[in-house]
N, C-alpha and C. Protein backbone atom coordinates (compact mmCIF):
# COMPACT_ATOMS: atom_id res chain seq x y z
N MET A 1 -15.32 45.50 -11.45
CA MET A 1 -14.99 44.23 -11.94
C MET A 1 -15.02 43.37 -10.38
N GLY A 2 -14.83 44.03 -9.29
CA GLY A 2 -14.72 43.31 -8.13
C GLY A 2 -13.24 42.88 -7.75
N PHE A 3 -13.24 41.63 -7.07
CA PHE A 3 -12.04 40.98 -6.97
C PHE A 3 -11.29 40.71 -8.19
N VAL A 4 -9.93 40.70 -8.10
CA VAL A 4 -9.15 40.51 -9.37
C VAL A 4 -8.12 39.28 -8.72
N LEU A 5 -8.12 38.21 -9.35
CA LEU A 5 -7.47 37.19 -9.01
C LEU A 5 -5.77 37.37 -9.76
N GLU A 6 -4.94 37.73 -8.92
CA GLU A 6 -3.46 37.87 -9.51
C GLU A 6 -2.60 36.87 -8.83
N GLY A 7 -2.09 35.74 -9.47
CA GLY A 7 -1.26 34.79 -8.81
C GLY A 7 0.20 35.32 -8.77
N PRO A 8 1.02 34.80 -8.02
CA PRO A 8 2.45 35.13 -8.07
C PRO A 8 3.20 35.09 -9.53
N ALA A 9 4.15 35.85 -9.72
CA ALA A 9 4.81 35.88 -10.92
C ALA A 9 5.37 34.57 -11.06
N VAL A 10 5.95 33.97 -10.13
CA VAL A 10 6.69 32.51 -10.61
C VAL A 10 6.60 31.70 -9.24
N LEU A 11 6.33 30.42 -9.27
CA LEU A 11 6.46 29.69 -8.21
C LEU A 11 7.51 28.53 -8.21
N GLU A 12 8.52 28.59 -7.60
CA GLU A 12 9.86 27.66 -7.75
C GLU A 12 9.83 26.67 -6.95
N GLY A 13 9.98 25.41 -7.54
CA GLY A 13 10.31 24.19 -6.70
C GLY A 13 11.72 23.49 -7.12
N ASN A 14 11.78 22.34 -6.65
CA ASN A 14 13.15 21.65 -6.93
C ASN A 14 12.84 20.99 -8.31
N LEU A 15 11.63 20.57 -8.57
CA LEU A 15 11.21 19.83 -9.92
C LEU A 15 10.63 20.68 -10.92
N VAL A 16 9.69 21.50 -10.48
CA VAL A 16 8.98 22.24 -11.36
C VAL A 16 8.99 23.82 -11.09
N ARG A 17 8.91 24.47 -12.22
CA ARG A 17 8.57 25.96 -11.77
C ARG A 17 7.40 26.36 -12.69
N LEU A 18 6.51 26.99 -11.93
CA LEU A 18 5.14 27.60 -12.67
C LEU A 18 5.45 28.75 -13.09
N GLU A 19 5.45 29.15 -14.23
CA GLU A 19 5.44 30.57 -14.84
C GLU A 19 4.24 30.83 -15.55
N PRO A 20 3.90 32.16 -15.29
CA PRO A 20 2.53 32.70 -16.28
C PRO A 20 2.49 32.25 -17.34
N LEU A 21 1.51 31.69 -18.03
CA LEU A 21 1.09 30.97 -19.40
C LEU A 21 1.50 32.12 -20.41
N ASP A 22 2.22 31.86 -21.17
CA ASP A 22 2.45 32.74 -22.26
C ASP A 22 2.68 32.29 -23.61
N HIS A 23 2.64 33.01 -24.69
CA HIS A 23 2.92 32.32 -26.04
C HIS A 23 4.60 31.70 -26.15
N HIS A 24 5.41 32.29 -25.45
CA HIS A 24 6.54 31.73 -25.55
C HIS A 24 6.75 30.28 -25.08
N HIS A 25 5.76 29.64 -24.41
CA HIS A 25 5.69 28.28 -24.06
C HIS A 25 5.11 27.46 -25.05
N ALA A 26 4.57 28.10 -26.14
CA ALA A 26 3.72 27.37 -27.09
C ALA A 26 4.49 26.27 -27.88
N ALA A 27 5.75 26.30 -28.19
CA ALA A 27 6.44 25.48 -28.91
C ALA A 27 6.65 24.21 -27.95
N ASP A 28 7.00 24.43 -26.73
CA ASP A 28 7.27 23.26 -25.68
C ASP A 28 5.96 22.65 -25.67
N LEU A 29 4.86 23.41 -25.20
CA LEU A 29 3.55 22.59 -25.15
C LEU A 29 3.11 21.98 -26.27
N ALA A 30 3.18 22.44 -27.52
CA ALA A 30 2.82 21.58 -28.68
C ALA A 30 3.56 20.38 -28.79
N VAL A 31 4.77 20.11 -28.33
CA VAL A 31 5.18 18.90 -28.39
C VAL A 31 4.72 17.98 -27.17
N ALA A 32 4.45 18.53 -26.08
CA ALA A 32 3.96 17.88 -24.81
C ALA A 32 2.72 17.19 -25.20
N VAL A 33 1.76 18.13 -25.75
CA VAL A 33 0.37 17.52 -25.80
C VAL A 33 0.38 16.32 -26.75
N GLU A 34 1.18 16.02 -27.45
CA GLU A 34 1.23 15.01 -28.59
C GLU A 34 1.92 13.89 -28.20
N GLU A 35 2.65 13.86 -26.99
CA GLU A 35 3.29 12.72 -26.78
C GLU A 35 2.50 11.33 -26.63
N ASP A 36 1.48 11.49 -25.74
CA ASP A 36 0.56 10.19 -25.77
C ASP A 36 -0.60 10.91 -25.25
N ARG A 37 -1.77 10.80 -25.84
CA ARG A 37 -3.03 11.54 -25.47
C ARG A 37 -4.00 10.24 -24.69
N GLY A 38 -3.34 9.42 -24.42
CA GLY A 38 -4.36 8.25 -23.86
C GLY A 38 -4.89 8.54 -22.50
N SER A 39 -4.05 9.27 -21.67
CA SER A 39 -4.55 9.72 -20.44
C SER A 39 -5.68 10.93 -20.21
N TYR A 40 -5.88 11.49 -21.57
CA TYR A 40 -6.69 12.60 -21.49
C TYR A 40 -8.22 12.28 -21.72
N GLY A 41 -8.67 11.05 -21.48
CA GLY A 41 -10.03 10.86 -21.93
C GLY A 41 -11.03 11.84 -21.25
N PHE A 42 -11.02 12.26 -20.04
CA PHE A 42 -12.22 13.28 -19.53
C PHE A 42 -11.65 14.58 -19.23
N THR A 43 -10.70 14.88 -19.87
CA THR A 43 -9.87 16.15 -19.77
C THR A 43 -9.60 16.80 -21.14
N TRP A 44 -10.04 18.04 -21.39
CA TRP A 44 -9.74 18.63 -22.73
C TRP A 44 -8.38 19.29 -22.62
N VAL A 45 -7.47 18.90 -23.47
CA VAL A 45 -6.18 19.17 -23.73
C VAL A 45 -5.94 19.56 -25.21
N PRO A 46 -5.50 20.62 -25.34
CA PRO A 46 -5.25 21.20 -26.81
C PRO A 46 -4.50 20.24 -27.64
N THR A 47 -4.74 20.17 -28.95
CA THR A 47 -3.79 19.40 -29.81
C THR A 47 -2.72 20.53 -30.21
N ALA A 48 -1.67 19.92 -30.88
CA ALA A 48 -0.50 20.96 -31.20
C ALA A 48 -1.23 22.08 -31.90
N SER A 49 -2.00 22.11 -32.77
CA SER A 49 -2.38 22.95 -33.60
C SER A 49 -3.41 23.99 -32.88
N GLU A 50 -3.79 23.52 -31.68
CA GLU A 50 -4.61 24.48 -30.85
C GLU A 50 -3.90 25.08 -29.69
N VAL A 51 -2.77 24.78 -29.48
CA VAL A 51 -2.00 25.38 -28.61
C VAL A 51 -2.09 26.96 -28.48
N HIS A 52 -1.77 27.77 -29.51
CA HIS A 52 -1.75 29.12 -29.57
C HIS A 52 -3.25 29.60 -29.13
N GLY A 53 -4.36 29.04 -29.70
CA GLY A 53 -5.53 29.43 -29.23
C GLY A 53 -5.96 29.14 -27.91
N TYR A 54 -5.57 27.94 -27.65
CA TYR A 54 -5.66 27.65 -25.87
C TYR A 54 -4.90 28.63 -24.96
N ILE A 55 -3.78 29.18 -25.42
CA ILE A 55 -3.13 30.36 -24.63
C ILE A 55 -3.92 31.30 -24.72
N ASP A 56 -4.51 31.78 -25.84
CA ASP A 56 -5.04 33.23 -25.89
C ASP A 56 -6.56 33.03 -24.99
N ALA A 57 -7.27 31.72 -25.03
CA ALA A 57 -8.25 31.63 -24.40
C ALA A 57 -8.02 31.79 -22.82
N GLN A 58 -6.85 31.21 -22.39
CA GLN A 58 -6.44 31.20 -20.94
C GLN A 58 -6.38 32.67 -20.44
N GLN A 59 -5.64 33.44 -21.42
CA GLN A 59 -5.16 34.64 -21.06
C GLN A 59 -6.47 35.74 -21.07
N ALA A 60 -7.45 35.44 -21.94
CA ALA A 60 -8.73 35.94 -21.79
C ALA A 60 -9.60 35.82 -20.60
N ARG A 61 -9.55 34.57 -19.96
CA ARG A 61 -9.89 34.39 -18.76
C ARG A 61 -9.32 35.07 -17.64
N ALA A 62 -8.06 35.23 -17.88
CA ALA A 62 -7.28 35.81 -16.84
C ALA A 62 -7.51 37.38 -16.85
N ALA A 63 -7.84 37.96 -17.84
CA ALA A 63 -8.32 39.04 -17.86
C ALA A 63 -9.62 39.49 -17.48
N THR A 64 -10.40 38.50 -17.14
CA THR A 64 -11.64 38.68 -16.33
C THR A 64 -11.31 38.91 -14.67
N GLY A 65 -10.24 38.44 -14.35
CA GLY A 65 -9.86 38.44 -12.92
C GLY A 65 -10.09 37.19 -12.34
N ARG A 66 -10.67 36.10 -13.03
CA ARG A 66 -11.05 35.04 -12.33
C ARG A 66 -10.08 33.62 -12.78
N LEU A 67 -8.88 33.92 -13.29
CA LEU A 67 -7.97 32.77 -13.67
C LEU A 67 -6.59 33.39 -13.67
N ALA A 68 -5.65 32.61 -13.16
CA ALA A 68 -4.34 32.74 -13.04
C ALA A 68 -3.57 31.45 -13.61
N PRO A 69 -3.35 31.51 -14.89
CA PRO A 69 -2.84 30.32 -15.67
C PRO A 69 -1.36 30.23 -15.69
N TYR A 70 -0.77 28.99 -15.52
CA TYR A 70 0.54 28.77 -15.52
C TYR A 70 1.18 27.48 -16.41
N ALA A 71 2.19 27.85 -16.92
CA ALA A 71 2.81 26.86 -17.55
C ALA A 71 3.66 25.99 -16.59
N GLN A 72 3.68 24.65 -16.59
CA GLN A 72 4.42 24.02 -15.63
C GLN A 72 5.84 23.63 -16.51
N VAL A 73 6.84 23.94 -15.94
CA VAL A 73 8.19 23.81 -16.70
C VAL A 73 9.02 22.95 -15.87
N ASP A 74 9.52 21.73 -16.49
CA ASP A 74 10.10 20.74 -15.99
C ASP A 74 11.82 21.45 -15.61
N ARG A 75 12.17 21.54 -14.56
CA ARG A 75 13.48 22.23 -14.05
C ARG A 75 14.58 21.25 -14.84
N ALA A 76 14.69 20.12 -15.01
CA ALA A 76 15.76 19.38 -15.44
C ALA A 76 16.03 19.77 -16.76
N SER A 77 14.81 19.93 -17.59
CA SER A 77 14.95 20.03 -19.03
C SER A 77 14.86 21.47 -19.43
N GLY A 78 14.06 22.25 -18.67
CA GLY A 78 13.88 23.71 -18.93
C GLY A 78 12.57 23.80 -19.97
N ARG A 79 11.97 22.66 -20.17
CA ARG A 79 10.95 22.85 -21.26
C ARG A 79 9.38 22.81 -20.34
N ALA A 80 8.72 23.52 -21.14
CA ALA A 80 7.17 23.56 -20.67
C ALA A 80 6.53 22.04 -20.93
N VAL A 81 5.94 21.69 -19.95
CA VAL A 81 5.47 20.16 -20.13
C VAL A 81 3.83 20.05 -19.80
N GLY A 82 3.29 21.07 -19.46
CA GLY A 82 2.05 21.16 -18.93
C GLY A 82 1.36 22.39 -18.38
N ALA A 83 0.30 22.55 -17.75
CA ALA A 83 -0.11 23.66 -17.40
C ALA A 83 -1.17 23.60 -16.13
N THR A 84 -1.53 24.52 -15.49
CA THR A 84 -2.25 24.52 -14.35
C THR A 84 -2.86 25.92 -14.04
N SER A 85 -3.56 26.00 -12.99
CA SER A 85 -4.17 27.50 -12.78
C SER A 85 -4.75 27.65 -11.46
N TYR A 86 -4.84 28.61 -10.99
CA TYR A 86 -5.71 29.19 -9.82
C TYR A 86 -6.91 29.62 -10.88
N TRP A 87 -8.03 29.26 -9.83
CA TRP A 87 -9.36 29.51 -10.77
C TRP A 87 -10.60 29.62 -9.71
N ASP A 88 -11.45 30.46 -10.19
CA ASP A 88 -12.78 30.91 -9.44
C ASP A 88 -12.64 31.25 -7.93
N PRO A 89 -12.06 32.36 -7.65
CA PRO A 89 -11.86 33.14 -6.56
C PRO A 89 -13.19 33.28 -5.79
N ARG A 90 -13.18 33.13 -4.49
CA ARG A 90 -14.42 33.42 -3.85
C ARG A 90 -13.99 34.38 -2.79
N VAL A 91 -14.71 35.45 -2.68
CA VAL A 91 -14.57 36.39 -1.90
C VAL A 91 -15.68 36.76 -0.62
N LEU A 92 -15.30 37.18 0.50
CA LEU A 92 -16.30 37.66 1.33
C LEU A 92 -16.39 39.14 1.60
N PRO A 93 -17.38 39.95 1.46
CA PRO A 93 -17.54 41.19 1.72
C PRO A 93 -17.67 41.51 3.29
N PRO A 94 -17.34 42.65 3.74
CA PRO A 94 -16.79 43.73 2.98
C PRO A 94 -15.23 43.60 2.69
N GLY A 95 -14.78 44.30 1.91
CA GLY A 95 -13.23 44.22 1.44
C GLY A 95 -12.92 43.18 0.48
N ASP A 96 -13.92 42.49 -0.17
CA ASP A 96 -13.75 41.50 -1.03
C ASP A 96 -12.46 40.74 -0.65
N GLY A 97 -12.57 40.21 0.77
CA GLY A 97 -11.39 39.26 0.90
C GLY A 97 -11.54 37.97 0.61
N LEU A 98 -10.37 37.35 -0.08
CA LEU A 98 -10.34 36.17 -0.57
C LEU A 98 -10.26 35.00 0.61
N PHE A 99 -11.50 34.12 0.30
CA PHE A 99 -11.48 33.07 1.41
C PHE A 99 -11.32 31.53 0.66
N ALA A 100 -11.60 31.52 -0.72
CA ALA A 100 -11.52 30.15 -1.20
C ALA A 100 -11.01 30.32 -2.91
N VAL A 101 -10.22 29.27 -3.20
CA VAL A 101 -9.79 29.29 -4.67
C VAL A 101 -9.70 28.03 -5.31
N GLU A 102 -9.98 27.67 -6.51
CA GLU A 102 -9.86 26.43 -6.93
C GLU A 102 -8.49 26.24 -7.61
N VAL A 103 -8.07 25.01 -7.55
CA VAL A 103 -6.63 24.75 -8.55
C VAL A 103 -7.41 23.80 -9.73
N GLY A 104 -7.14 24.14 -10.85
CA GLY A 104 -7.88 23.42 -11.98
C GLY A 104 -6.91 23.76 -13.16
N PHE A 105 -7.72 23.40 -14.34
CA PHE A 105 -7.11 23.60 -15.77
C PHE A 105 -5.78 22.78 -15.95
N THR A 106 -5.69 21.63 -15.15
CA THR A 106 -4.30 20.99 -14.97
C THR A 106 -4.25 19.74 -16.02
N TRP A 107 -3.15 19.83 -16.66
CA TRP A 107 -2.73 18.57 -17.40
C TRP A 107 -1.00 18.61 -17.64
N LEU A 108 -0.71 17.29 -17.90
CA LEU A 108 1.00 17.17 -17.78
C LEU A 108 1.04 16.24 -19.26
N ALA A 109 2.29 16.30 -19.85
CA ALA A 109 2.67 15.43 -20.66
C ALA A 109 2.74 14.18 -20.34
N SER A 110 2.50 13.17 -20.90
CA SER A 110 2.51 11.59 -20.28
C SER A 110 4.21 11.39 -19.82
N SER A 111 5.00 11.75 -20.23
CA SER A 111 6.35 11.64 -19.80
C SER A 111 6.76 12.16 -18.36
N ALA A 112 5.76 13.38 -18.10
CA ALA A 112 5.84 14.11 -16.77
C ALA A 112 5.08 13.51 -15.89
N GLN A 113 4.02 12.68 -16.01
CA GLN A 113 3.21 12.04 -15.12
C GLN A 113 3.87 11.01 -14.34
N GLY A 114 3.58 10.96 -12.93
CA GLY A 114 4.32 10.26 -12.22
C GLY A 114 5.78 10.50 -11.79
N THR A 115 6.19 11.63 -12.09
CA THR A 115 7.61 12.00 -11.76
C THR A 115 7.70 12.77 -10.54
N GLY A 116 6.78 13.24 -10.00
CA GLY A 116 6.61 14.08 -9.00
C GLY A 116 6.30 15.67 -9.26
N LEU A 117 6.12 16.05 -10.60
CA LEU A 117 6.02 17.41 -11.03
C LEU A 117 4.69 17.76 -10.67
N ASN A 118 3.58 16.78 -10.58
CA ASN A 118 2.17 17.13 -10.28
C ASN A 118 2.06 17.35 -8.73
N THR A 119 2.77 16.50 -7.99
CA THR A 119 2.84 16.38 -6.62
C THR A 119 3.41 17.88 -6.32
N GLU A 120 4.57 18.29 -6.84
CA GLU A 120 5.30 19.59 -6.34
C GLU A 120 4.50 20.70 -6.86
N ALA A 121 3.80 20.73 -8.08
CA ALA A 121 3.12 21.75 -8.44
C ALA A 121 1.90 22.01 -7.37
N LYS A 122 1.20 20.91 -7.04
CA LYS A 122 0.20 21.26 -6.14
C LYS A 122 0.43 21.78 -4.79
N PHE A 123 1.92 21.32 -4.26
CA PHE A 123 2.33 21.69 -3.06
C PHE A 123 2.55 23.31 -3.23
N LEU A 124 3.21 23.73 -4.17
CA LEU A 124 3.49 25.19 -4.39
C LEU A 124 2.16 26.13 -4.47
N LEU A 125 1.27 25.37 -5.32
CA LEU A 125 0.01 26.43 -5.37
C LEU A 125 -0.79 26.31 -3.98
N PHE A 126 -0.85 25.14 -3.35
CA PHE A 126 -1.51 25.07 -2.03
C PHE A 126 -0.89 26.21 -1.07
N ARG A 127 0.48 26.01 -1.11
CA ARG A 127 1.27 26.63 0.02
C ARG A 127 1.28 28.13 -0.18
N HIS A 128 1.25 28.61 -1.34
CA HIS A 128 0.88 30.02 -1.57
C HIS A 128 -0.67 30.38 -1.19
N ALA A 129 -1.43 29.55 -1.61
CA ALA A 129 -2.88 29.82 -1.41
C ALA A 129 -3.13 30.04 0.10
N PHE A 130 -2.58 29.15 0.90
CA PHE A 130 -2.81 29.08 2.43
C PHE A 130 -1.97 30.09 3.18
N GLU A 131 -0.59 30.08 2.81
CA GLU A 131 0.28 30.78 3.50
C GLU A 131 0.40 32.20 3.10
N ASN A 132 0.21 32.65 1.85
CA ASN A 132 0.42 34.05 1.28
C ASN A 132 -0.90 34.68 1.31
N TRP A 133 -1.91 33.85 0.92
CA TRP A 133 -3.33 34.66 0.60
C TRP A 133 -4.14 34.59 1.83
N GLY A 134 -3.92 33.18 2.70
CA GLY A 134 -4.63 33.06 3.89
C GLY A 134 -5.97 32.47 3.60
N VAL A 135 -6.24 31.74 2.60
CA VAL A 135 -7.61 31.05 2.28
C VAL A 135 -7.99 30.28 3.47
N ALA A 136 -9.14 29.90 3.34
CA ALA A 136 -9.74 28.84 4.21
C ALA A 136 -9.97 27.63 3.61
N ARG A 137 -9.83 27.43 2.28
CA ARG A 137 -10.25 26.46 1.36
C ARG A 137 -9.44 26.49 0.14
N VAL A 138 -8.98 25.44 -0.36
CA VAL A 138 -8.63 25.17 -1.80
C VAL A 138 -9.22 23.95 -2.26
N ASP A 139 -9.94 24.01 -3.47
CA ASP A 139 -10.75 22.86 -4.02
C ASP A 139 -10.34 22.58 -5.45
N MET A 140 -10.76 21.44 -5.69
CA MET A 140 -10.32 20.89 -7.19
C MET A 140 -11.64 19.91 -7.42
N LYS A 141 -11.82 19.82 -8.78
CA LYS A 141 -13.01 19.02 -9.19
C LYS A 141 -12.49 18.19 -10.66
N THR A 142 -13.04 17.16 -10.80
CA THR A 142 -12.93 16.38 -12.01
C THR A 142 -14.19 15.68 -12.31
N ASP A 143 -14.11 15.06 -13.69
CA ASP A 143 -15.08 14.21 -14.04
C ASP A 143 -15.20 13.12 -13.09
N ALA A 144 -16.43 12.89 -12.77
CA ALA A 144 -16.78 11.58 -11.66
C ALA A 144 -16.15 10.36 -12.03
N ARG A 145 -16.03 10.11 -13.37
CA ARG A 145 -15.66 8.99 -13.88
C ARG A 145 -14.29 8.91 -13.90
N ASN A 146 -13.54 10.01 -13.79
CA ASN A 146 -11.89 9.99 -14.18
C ASN A 146 -11.25 9.45 -12.89
N ASP A 147 -11.15 8.12 -12.67
CA ASP A 147 -10.38 7.57 -11.65
C ASP A 147 -9.04 7.69 -11.49
N ARG A 148 -8.44 7.89 -12.60
CA ARG A 148 -6.90 8.50 -12.58
C ARG A 148 -6.77 9.76 -11.84
N CYS A 149 -7.67 10.62 -12.27
CA CYS A 149 -7.53 12.10 -11.73
C CYS A 149 -7.92 12.13 -10.35
N ARG A 150 -9.19 11.40 -9.87
CA ARG A 150 -9.48 11.24 -8.58
C ARG A 150 -8.39 10.63 -7.69
N ALA A 151 -7.73 9.57 -8.09
CA ALA A 151 -6.72 8.84 -7.41
C ALA A 151 -5.53 9.90 -7.18
N ALA A 152 -5.06 10.73 -8.18
CA ALA A 152 -4.27 11.69 -8.28
C ALA A 152 -4.24 12.79 -7.02
N LEU A 153 -5.72 13.36 -6.94
CA LEU A 153 -6.06 14.29 -5.99
C LEU A 153 -5.92 13.66 -4.59
N ALA A 154 -6.51 12.65 -4.47
CA ALA A 154 -6.37 11.86 -3.06
C ALA A 154 -5.06 11.79 -2.79
N SER A 155 -4.19 11.51 -3.66
CA SER A 155 -2.64 11.10 -3.27
C SER A 155 -2.08 12.30 -2.93
N VAL A 156 -2.50 13.72 -3.28
CA VAL A 156 -1.86 14.88 -2.61
C VAL A 156 -2.42 15.45 -1.48
N GLY A 157 -3.33 14.64 -0.85
CA GLY A 157 -3.91 14.93 0.35
C GLY A 157 -5.26 15.65 0.30
N ALA A 158 -5.86 15.71 -0.82
CA ALA A 158 -7.18 16.42 -0.93
C ALA A 158 -8.44 15.65 -0.38
N ARG A 159 -9.34 15.89 0.08
CA ARG A 159 -10.28 15.02 0.80
C ARG A 159 -11.60 15.12 -0.41
N PHE A 160 -12.13 13.89 -0.66
CA PHE A 160 -12.95 13.79 -1.46
C PHE A 160 -14.45 14.25 -0.67
N GLU A 161 -15.28 15.18 -1.24
CA GLU A 161 -16.49 15.77 -0.52
C GLU A 161 -17.70 15.05 -1.16
N GLY A 162 -17.75 14.57 -2.30
CA GLY A 162 -18.89 14.18 -2.93
C GLY A 162 -19.10 14.42 -4.29
N VAL A 163 -20.07 13.96 -5.04
CA VAL A 163 -20.32 14.27 -6.38
C VAL A 163 -21.58 15.22 -6.62
N LEU A 164 -21.20 16.23 -7.55
CA LEU A 164 -22.54 17.35 -7.74
C LEU A 164 -22.79 16.61 -9.27
N ARG A 165 -24.18 16.35 -9.34
CA ARG A 165 -24.61 15.88 -10.55
C ARG A 165 -24.98 16.90 -11.59
N ASN A 166 -24.67 16.57 -12.90
CA ASN A 166 -24.93 17.41 -14.03
C ASN A 166 -24.29 18.96 -13.62
N TRP A 167 -23.12 18.89 -13.20
CA TRP A 167 -22.46 20.18 -12.53
C TRP A 167 -21.90 21.24 -13.55
N SER A 168 -21.15 20.38 -14.72
CA SER A 168 -20.60 21.34 -15.70
C SER A 168 -20.52 20.43 -17.06
N ARG A 169 -20.03 21.11 -17.91
CA ARG A 169 -20.04 20.52 -19.31
C ARG A 169 -19.03 19.22 -19.35
N SER A 170 -19.40 18.39 -20.24
CA SER A 170 -18.50 17.29 -20.29
C SER A 170 -17.21 17.47 -21.28
N TRP A 171 -16.04 17.11 -20.97
CA TRP A 171 -15.04 17.34 -22.00
C TRP A 171 -14.58 16.01 -22.57
N ALA A 172 -15.36 14.88 -22.41
CA ALA A 172 -15.14 13.44 -22.80
C ALA A 172 -15.40 13.47 -24.17
N PRO A 173 -14.60 12.62 -25.28
CA PRO A 173 -14.82 12.74 -26.53
C PRO A 173 -16.05 12.20 -26.88
N GLY A 174 -16.78 12.90 -27.83
CA GLY A 174 -18.09 12.31 -28.42
C GLY A 174 -19.15 12.85 -27.34
N GLU A 175 -18.82 13.68 -26.48
CA GLU A 175 -20.02 14.38 -25.36
C GLU A 175 -20.29 15.89 -25.66
N ASP A 176 -20.02 16.13 -26.78
CA ASP A 176 -20.26 17.67 -26.92
C ASP A 176 -21.66 18.03 -26.56
N GLY A 177 -21.67 19.13 -25.79
CA GLY A 177 -23.17 19.51 -25.36
C GLY A 177 -23.75 18.70 -24.11
N ARG A 178 -23.10 17.67 -23.67
CA ARG A 178 -23.66 17.05 -22.38
C ARG A 178 -22.84 17.51 -21.24
N LEU A 179 -23.41 17.26 -20.19
CA LEU A 179 -23.26 17.67 -18.82
C LEU A 179 -22.55 16.44 -18.05
N ARG A 180 -21.69 16.77 -17.29
CA ARG A 180 -21.04 15.72 -16.64
C ARG A 180 -21.30 15.75 -14.91
N ASP A 181 -21.21 14.76 -14.47
CA ASP A 181 -21.17 14.83 -12.77
C ASP A 181 -19.66 14.97 -12.48
N SER A 182 -19.49 15.93 -11.45
CA SER A 182 -18.21 16.35 -11.04
C SER A 182 -18.02 15.84 -9.60
N ALA A 183 -16.68 15.23 -9.59
CA ALA A 183 -16.17 14.65 -8.25
C ALA A 183 -15.61 15.95 -7.70
N ILE A 184 -15.95 16.28 -6.33
CA ILE A 184 -15.21 17.44 -5.62
C ILE A 184 -14.47 17.27 -4.57
N PHE A 185 -13.11 17.71 -4.52
CA PHE A 185 -12.12 17.42 -3.51
C PHE A 185 -11.76 18.64 -3.00
N SER A 186 -11.33 18.77 -1.85
CA SER A 186 -10.76 20.10 -1.11
C SER A 186 -9.59 19.83 -0.19
N VAL A 187 -9.05 20.90 0.32
CA VAL A 187 -8.33 20.99 1.50
C VAL A 187 -8.67 22.23 2.24
N THR A 188 -8.68 21.96 3.38
CA THR A 188 -9.11 23.37 4.16
C THR A 188 -7.95 24.08 5.01
N GLY A 189 -8.11 25.08 5.37
CA GLY A 189 -6.87 25.70 6.26
C GLY A 189 -6.49 24.85 7.42
N GLU A 190 -7.50 24.30 8.08
CA GLU A 190 -7.28 23.41 9.04
C GLU A 190 -6.37 22.25 9.02
N GLU A 191 -6.72 21.65 7.65
CA GLU A 191 -5.93 20.50 7.18
C GLU A 191 -4.62 20.65 6.35
N TRP A 192 -4.40 21.91 6.29
CA TRP A 192 -2.99 22.38 5.46
C TRP A 192 -1.92 22.07 6.15
N PRO A 193 -1.70 21.95 7.60
CA PRO A 193 -0.43 21.61 8.28
C PRO A 193 -0.15 20.14 7.89
N GLU A 194 -1.21 19.41 8.10
CA GLU A 194 -1.19 17.90 7.92
C GLU A 194 -0.72 17.44 6.30
N CYS A 195 -1.55 18.20 5.59
CA CYS A 195 -1.38 17.96 4.02
C CYS A 195 0.15 18.53 3.79
N ARG A 196 0.54 19.49 4.21
CA ARG A 196 1.94 20.06 4.06
C ARG A 196 2.92 18.85 4.08
N SER A 197 2.79 18.34 5.43
CA SER A 197 3.59 17.30 5.69
C SER A 197 3.61 16.11 5.10
N HIS A 198 2.41 15.84 4.45
CA HIS A 198 2.19 14.54 3.59
C HIS A 198 3.06 14.86 2.21
N LEU A 199 2.79 15.95 1.76
CA LEU A 199 3.36 16.49 0.60
C LEU A 199 4.95 16.40 0.61
N GLU A 200 5.35 17.01 1.65
CA GLU A 200 6.92 17.01 1.75
C GLU A 200 7.65 15.60 1.91
N ARG A 201 6.79 14.68 2.65
CA ARG A 201 7.19 13.42 2.62
C ARG A 201 6.97 12.84 1.09
N ARG A 202 6.11 12.96 0.47
CA ARG A 202 6.01 12.44 -1.06
C ARG A 202 7.08 12.93 -1.77
N LEU A 203 7.26 14.18 -1.53
CA LEU A 203 8.43 14.85 -2.47
C LEU A 203 9.86 14.38 -1.96
N ALA A 204 9.98 14.06 -0.81
CA ALA A 204 11.52 13.51 -0.53
C ALA A 204 11.70 12.11 -0.96
N ARG A 205 10.39 11.32 -1.16
CA ARG A 205 10.45 9.91 -1.65
C ARG A 205 11.00 10.13 -3.19
N PHE A 206 10.09 11.02 -3.88
CA PHE A 206 10.49 11.31 -5.32
C PHE A 206 11.88 11.61 -5.34
N ALA A 207 12.61 12.44 -4.71
CA ALA A 207 13.95 12.86 -4.61
C ALA A 207 14.85 11.61 -4.29
N GLU A 208 14.45 10.93 -3.40
CA GLU A 208 15.32 9.55 -3.10
C GLU A 208 15.37 8.85 -4.43
N ARG A 209 14.26 8.58 -5.19
CA ARG A 209 14.26 7.78 -6.17
C ARG A 209 14.99 8.33 -7.31
N ARG A 210 15.00 9.71 -7.43
CA ARG A 210 15.69 10.33 -8.59
C ARG A 210 17.26 10.16 -8.43
N ASP A 211 17.65 10.31 -7.04
CA ASP A 211 19.06 10.31 -6.78
C ASP A 211 19.66 9.04 -6.96
N ALA A 212 18.75 7.88 -6.67
CA ALA A 212 19.04 6.56 -6.99
C ALA A 212 19.17 6.20 -8.29
N ALA A 213 18.26 6.64 -9.27
CA ALA A 213 18.61 6.58 -10.42
C ALA A 213 19.76 7.11 -11.15
N GLU A 214 20.07 8.35 -10.55
CA GLU A 214 21.11 9.06 -11.23
C GLU A 214 22.50 8.60 -10.64
N ALA A 215 22.38 7.80 -9.70
CA ALA A 215 23.98 7.30 -9.04
C ALA A 215 24.59 6.27 -9.98
N PRO A 216 25.74 6.54 -10.05
CA PRO A 216 26.59 5.74 -10.76
C PRO A 216 26.77 4.14 -10.50
């Protein structure tokens, strides 16, 4: 099989806990996916009836050694509100050393968007990849038309590298069988210290807003 991608058992933050995706998350995710699907125009997100099949598919990909899927659990409520993954590990012989990995298959319930959960999830995934695995690069991609996702990736400190034309299948409604152009973003090992500081500042601002909202 070669290199097998095995993510950490749990990644714990102040806002979000990333747990290996399993069927015990299904009930929460079935609620999350149906809150408001208006932001999923270019991203495939299962419907409530498809959640169990979605988890089976992600676990099957994990069994190939090329995916490590997580449920995003909102620590405040204890409920799973989305998913994300490590994906597409790249290795250098000899020794199959990991030098790059993608973060993808990411979605959040509409109520969790803009709350800091996505920012902290990216921080946890990036930090583990750079500081535990020692990768030289973490990359992400999205439909080139997905301005919302592109802005979110830029906001966490990832750099836009360009658009790869006809790169992968389209997930947009009504585009079955068509290919999409993919916008590619990345953070490199050299950029990680600056990116880490940027994310820590963003998370501090989310914490300040949360504390202000909870103040009597």
